[in-house]
Amino acid sequence: MCSRDDLARATPDELAELAEAAIGALARRADPAAFEHLLRLVRVTGECVGVAARTMAGQTSWAGVADIAGTSRQAAWERWRTH
């Protein structure tokens, strides 16, 4: 298991690999609690994508967010701006 300090020092690639492994492990379990955790992670991930998009747009631009997301600047702004 990783500590919070280990996670804080990890690269984005390392964090993504760990998250994908954990999500895959939850998905392969025939356990209602695992399914509930996956549903919660879908919600949390969606919220975090918005936070990341707004943070990135604040540091660069909405055009940069749109390039990574594969959409238009306007579509990215409409989807992830704060209301």
N, C-alpha and C. Protein backbone atom coordinates (compact mmCIF):
# COMPACT_ATOMS: atom_id res chain seq x y z
N MET A 1 0.84 -1.18 0.00
CA MET A 1 0.00 0.00 0.00
C MET A 1 0.89 1.24 0.00
N CYS A 2 0.40 2.29 -0.55
CA CYS A 2 1.13 3.56 -0.61
C CYS A 2 0.64 4.50 0.49
N SER A 3 1.56 5.29 0.98
CA SER A 3 1.18 6.30 1.95
C SER A 3 0.79 7.57 1.20
N ARG A 4 0.17 8.49 1.90
CA ARG A 4 -0.17 9.78 1.29
C ARG A 4 1.08 10.53 0.85
N ASP A 5 2.16 10.38 1.61
CA ASP A 5 3.43 11.01 1.22
C ASP A 5 3.95 10.42 -0.08
N ASP A 6 3.82 9.10 -0.24
CA ASP A 6 4.24 8.46 -1.49
C ASP A 6 3.42 9.01 -2.66
N LEU A 7 2.13 9.17 -2.45
CA LEU A 7 1.27 9.70 -3.51
C LEU A 7 1.64 11.14 -3.85
N ALA A 8 1.97 11.92 -2.85
CA ALA A 8 2.33 13.32 -3.09
C ALA A 8 3.60 13.43 -3.92
N ARG A 9 4.49 12.45 -3.82
CA ARG A 9 5.75 12.48 -4.57
C ARG A 9 5.65 11.81 -5.94
N ALA A 10 4.57 11.11 -6.18
CA ALA A 10 4.43 10.35 -7.43
C ALA A 10 4.21 11.28 -8.61
N THR A 11 4.64 10.84 -9.77
CA THR A 11 4.42 11.58 -11.01
C THR A 11 2.97 11.39 -11.47
N PRO A 12 2.48 12.25 -12.35
CA PRO A 12 1.13 12.03 -12.89
C PRO A 12 0.98 10.65 -13.55
N ASP A 13 1.99 10.20 -14.28
CA ASP A 13 1.92 8.88 -14.90
C ASP A 13 1.81 7.78 -13.85
N GLU A 14 2.59 7.88 -12.78
CA GLU A 14 2.53 6.88 -11.71
C GLU A 14 1.17 6.88 -11.01
N LEU A 15 0.63 8.08 -10.76
CA LEU A 15 -0.68 8.17 -10.12
C LEU A 15 -1.77 7.57 -11.01
N ALA A 16 -1.71 7.88 -12.31
CA ALA A 16 -2.71 7.34 -13.23
C ALA A 16 -2.63 5.82 -13.30
N GLU A 17 -1.43 5.27 -13.33
CA GLU A 17 -1.26 3.82 -13.37
C GLU A 17 -1.84 3.17 -12.11
N LEU A 18 -1.57 3.76 -10.97
CA LEU A 18 -2.09 3.24 -9.70
C LEU A 18 -3.62 3.33 -9.66
N ALA A 19 -4.17 4.46 -10.10
CA ALA A 19 -5.62 4.64 -10.10
C ALA A 19 -6.29 3.63 -11.03
N GLU A 20 -5.73 3.44 -12.22
CA GLU A 20 -6.30 2.47 -13.16
C GLU A 20 -6.25 1.06 -12.59
N ALA A 21 -5.16 0.71 -11.92
CA ALA A 21 -5.06 -0.63 -11.32
C ALA A 21 -6.10 -0.80 -10.22
N ALA A 22 -6.27 0.22 -9.39
CA ALA A 22 -7.25 0.13 -8.30
C ALA A 22 -8.67 0.04 -8.84
N ILE A 23 -8.99 0.84 -9.85
CA ILE A 23 -10.33 0.81 -10.43
C ILE A 23 -10.59 -0.53 -11.09
N GLY A 24 -9.61 -1.05 -11.80
CA GLY A 24 -9.76 -2.37 -12.41
C GLY A 24 -9.98 -3.46 -11.38
N ALA A 25 -9.25 -3.39 -10.26
CA ALA A 25 -9.41 -4.39 -9.20
C ALA A 25 -10.81 -4.31 -8.60
N LEU A 26 -11.33 -3.10 -8.40
CA LEU A 26 -12.70 -2.96 -7.89
C LEU A 26 -13.71 -3.54 -8.88
N ALA A 27 -13.50 -3.29 -10.16
CA ALA A 27 -14.44 -3.74 -11.19
C ALA A 27 -14.52 -5.26 -11.28
N ARG A 28 -13.42 -5.94 -10.99
CA ARG A 28 -13.40 -7.40 -11.10
C ARG A 28 -13.96 -8.12 -9.88
N ARG A 29 -14.35 -7.39 -8.87
CA ARG A 29 -14.89 -8.02 -7.66
C ARG A 29 -16.41 -8.14 -7.75
N ALA A 30 -16.91 -9.29 -7.37
CA ALA A 30 -18.36 -9.50 -7.32
C ALA A 30 -18.84 -9.10 -5.92
N ASP A 31 -18.67 -7.82 -5.61
CA ASP A 31 -18.94 -7.32 -4.27
C ASP A 31 -19.74 -6.03 -4.39
N PRO A 32 -20.91 -5.96 -3.79
CA PRO A 32 -21.71 -4.74 -3.87
C PRO A 32 -20.96 -3.50 -3.36
N ALA A 33 -20.13 -3.66 -2.35
CA ALA A 33 -19.38 -2.52 -1.83
C ALA A 33 -18.39 -2.00 -2.88
N ALA A 34 -17.78 -2.90 -3.63
CA ALA A 34 -16.84 -2.49 -4.69
C ALA A 34 -17.59 -1.69 -5.76
N PHE A 35 -18.79 -2.15 -6.12
CA PHE A 35 -19.60 -1.43 -7.10
C PHE A 35 -19.98 -0.04 -6.58
N GLU A 36 -20.34 0.05 -5.31
CA GLU A 36 -20.67 1.35 -4.72
C GLU A 36 -19.46 2.28 -4.77
N HIS A 37 -18.28 1.75 -4.49
CA HIS A 37 -17.07 2.57 -4.55
C HIS A 37 -16.82 3.05 -5.98
N LEU A 38 -17.04 2.19 -6.96
CA LEU A 38 -16.85 2.61 -8.35
C LEU A 38 -17.80 3.74 -8.72
N LEU A 39 -19.05 3.64 -8.29
CA LEU A 39 -20.01 4.70 -8.58
C LEU A 39 -19.58 6.02 -7.94
N ARG A 40 -19.08 5.95 -6.71
CA ARG A 40 -18.59 7.16 -6.04
C ARG A 40 -17.38 7.72 -6.79
N LEU A 41 -16.50 6.84 -7.26
CA LEU A 41 -15.32 7.29 -7.99
C LEU A 41 -15.68 7.98 -9.31
N VAL A 42 -16.74 7.52 -9.96
CA VAL A 42 -17.20 8.19 -11.18
C VAL A 42 -17.57 9.64 -10.86
N ARG A 43 -18.31 9.84 -9.77
CA ARG A 43 -18.71 11.20 -9.37
C ARG A 43 -17.49 12.04 -9.02
N VAL A 44 -16.62 11.49 -8.20
CA VAL A 44 -15.42 12.22 -7.76
C VAL A 44 -14.53 12.56 -8.95
N THR A 45 -14.38 11.61 -9.86
CA THR A 45 -13.55 11.84 -11.04
C THR A 45 -14.12 12.98 -11.89
N GLY A 46 -15.42 12.98 -12.08
CA GLY A 46 -16.04 14.06 -12.85
C GLY A 46 -15.81 15.41 -12.22
N GLU A 47 -15.95 15.48 -10.91
CA GLU A 47 -15.71 16.75 -10.20
C GLU A 47 -14.24 17.16 -10.34
N CYS A 48 -13.34 16.20 -10.22
CA CYS A 48 -11.91 16.51 -10.30
C CYS A 48 -11.48 16.92 -11.70
N VAL A 49 -12.11 16.36 -12.73
CA VAL A 49 -11.82 16.79 -14.10
C VAL A 49 -12.17 18.27 -14.26
N GLY A 50 -13.29 18.68 -13.70
CA GLY A 50 -13.66 20.09 -13.75
C GLY A 50 -12.66 20.97 -13.03
N VAL A 51 -12.24 20.55 -11.84
CA VAL A 51 -11.24 21.31 -11.09
C VAL A 51 -9.95 21.41 -11.90
N ALA A 52 -9.52 20.30 -12.47
CA ALA A 52 -8.28 20.29 -13.26
C ALA A 52 -8.40 21.20 -14.48
N ALA A 53 -9.54 21.16 -15.14
CA ALA A 53 -9.74 22.01 -16.32
C ALA A 53 -9.68 23.48 -15.96
N ARG A 54 -10.37 23.86 -14.87
CA ARG A 54 -10.36 25.27 -14.46
C ARG A 54 -8.97 25.70 -14.00
N THR A 55 -8.26 24.81 -13.31
CA THR A 55 -6.90 25.13 -12.86
C THR A 55 -5.99 25.33 -14.06
N MET A 56 -6.07 24.41 -15.02
CA MET A 56 -5.23 24.52 -16.20
C MET A 56 -5.58 25.76 -17.01
N ALA A 57 -6.86 26.04 -17.16
CA ALA A 57 -7.28 27.22 -17.92
C ALA A 57 -6.77 28.49 -17.24
N GLY A 58 -6.74 28.50 -15.92
CA GLY A 58 -6.23 29.66 -15.19
C GLY A 58 -4.73 29.85 -15.37
N GLN A 59 -4.02 28.75 -15.57
CA GLN A 59 -2.57 28.81 -15.76
C GLN A 59 -2.18 29.02 -17.22
N THR A 60 -3.00 28.51 -18.13
CA THR A 60 -2.69 28.63 -19.56
C THR A 60 -3.85 29.33 -20.26
N SER A 61 -4.80 28.52 -20.77
CA SER A 61 -5.97 29.09 -21.44
C SER A 61 -7.00 27.99 -21.64
N TRP A 62 -8.21 28.39 -21.96
CA TRP A 62 -9.24 27.42 -22.30
C TRP A 62 -8.90 26.72 -23.61
N ALA A 63 -8.18 27.38 -24.48
CA ALA A 63 -7.75 26.73 -25.72
C ALA A 63 -6.83 25.55 -25.42
N GLY A 64 -5.95 25.69 -24.43
CA GLY A 64 -5.08 24.59 -24.03
C GLY A 64 -5.86 23.42 -23.47
N VAL A 65 -6.88 23.72 -22.66
CA VAL A 65 -7.75 22.68 -22.12
C VAL A 65 -8.46 21.97 -23.27
N ALA A 66 -8.98 22.75 -24.21
CA ALA A 66 -9.71 22.19 -25.34
C ALA A 66 -8.82 21.30 -26.20
N ASP A 67 -7.58 21.70 -26.41
CA ASP A 67 -6.66 20.87 -27.20
C ASP A 67 -6.49 19.49 -26.58
N ILE A 68 -6.29 19.45 -25.27
CA ILE A 68 -6.09 18.18 -24.58
C ILE A 68 -7.39 17.36 -24.58
N ALA A 69 -8.52 18.02 -24.40
CA ALA A 69 -9.81 17.33 -24.34
C ALA A 69 -10.33 16.94 -25.72
N GLY A 70 -9.72 17.48 -26.77
CA GLY A 70 -10.17 17.16 -28.12
C GLY A 70 -11.49 17.80 -28.47
N THR A 71 -11.68 19.03 -28.02
CA THR A 71 -12.93 19.74 -28.26
C THR A 71 -12.61 21.20 -28.60
N SER A 72 -13.62 22.00 -28.79
CA SER A 72 -13.41 23.42 -29.05
C SER A 72 -13.22 24.17 -27.73
N ARG A 73 -12.62 25.34 -27.83
CA ARG A 73 -12.43 26.18 -26.65
C ARG A 73 -13.78 26.50 -26.02
N GLN A 74 -14.75 26.84 -26.84
CA GLN A 74 -16.09 27.18 -26.34
C GLN A 74 -16.73 26.00 -25.63
N ALA A 75 -16.61 24.80 -26.20
CA ALA A 75 -17.20 23.62 -25.58
C ALA A 75 -16.54 23.32 -24.24
N ALA A 76 -15.22 23.46 -24.17
CA ALA A 76 -14.51 23.22 -22.92
C ALA A 76 -14.95 24.24 -21.87
N TRP A 77 -15.03 25.49 -22.25
CA TRP A 77 -15.44 26.54 -21.31
C TRP A 77 -16.84 26.28 -20.79
N GLU A 78 -17.77 25.94 -21.71
CA GLU A 78 -19.15 25.70 -21.30
C GLU A 78 -19.26 24.49 -20.37
N ARG A 79 -18.46 23.47 -20.61
CA ARG A 79 -18.55 22.25 -19.81
C ARG A 79 -17.94 22.41 -18.42
N TRP A 80 -16.79 23.10 -18.32
CA TRP A 80 -16.05 23.07 -17.07
C TRP A 80 -15.93 24.40 -16.33
N ARG A 81 -16.46 25.48 -16.87
CA ARG A 81 -16.38 26.75 -16.13
C ARG A 81 -17.22 26.64 -14.87
N THR A 82 -16.95 27.50 -13.92
CA THR A 82 -17.81 27.54 -12.72
C THR A 82 -19.06 28.31 -13.07
N HIS A 83 -20.14 27.91 -12.49
CA HIS A 83 -21.44 28.55 -12.81
C HIS A 83 -21.78 29.61 -11.80
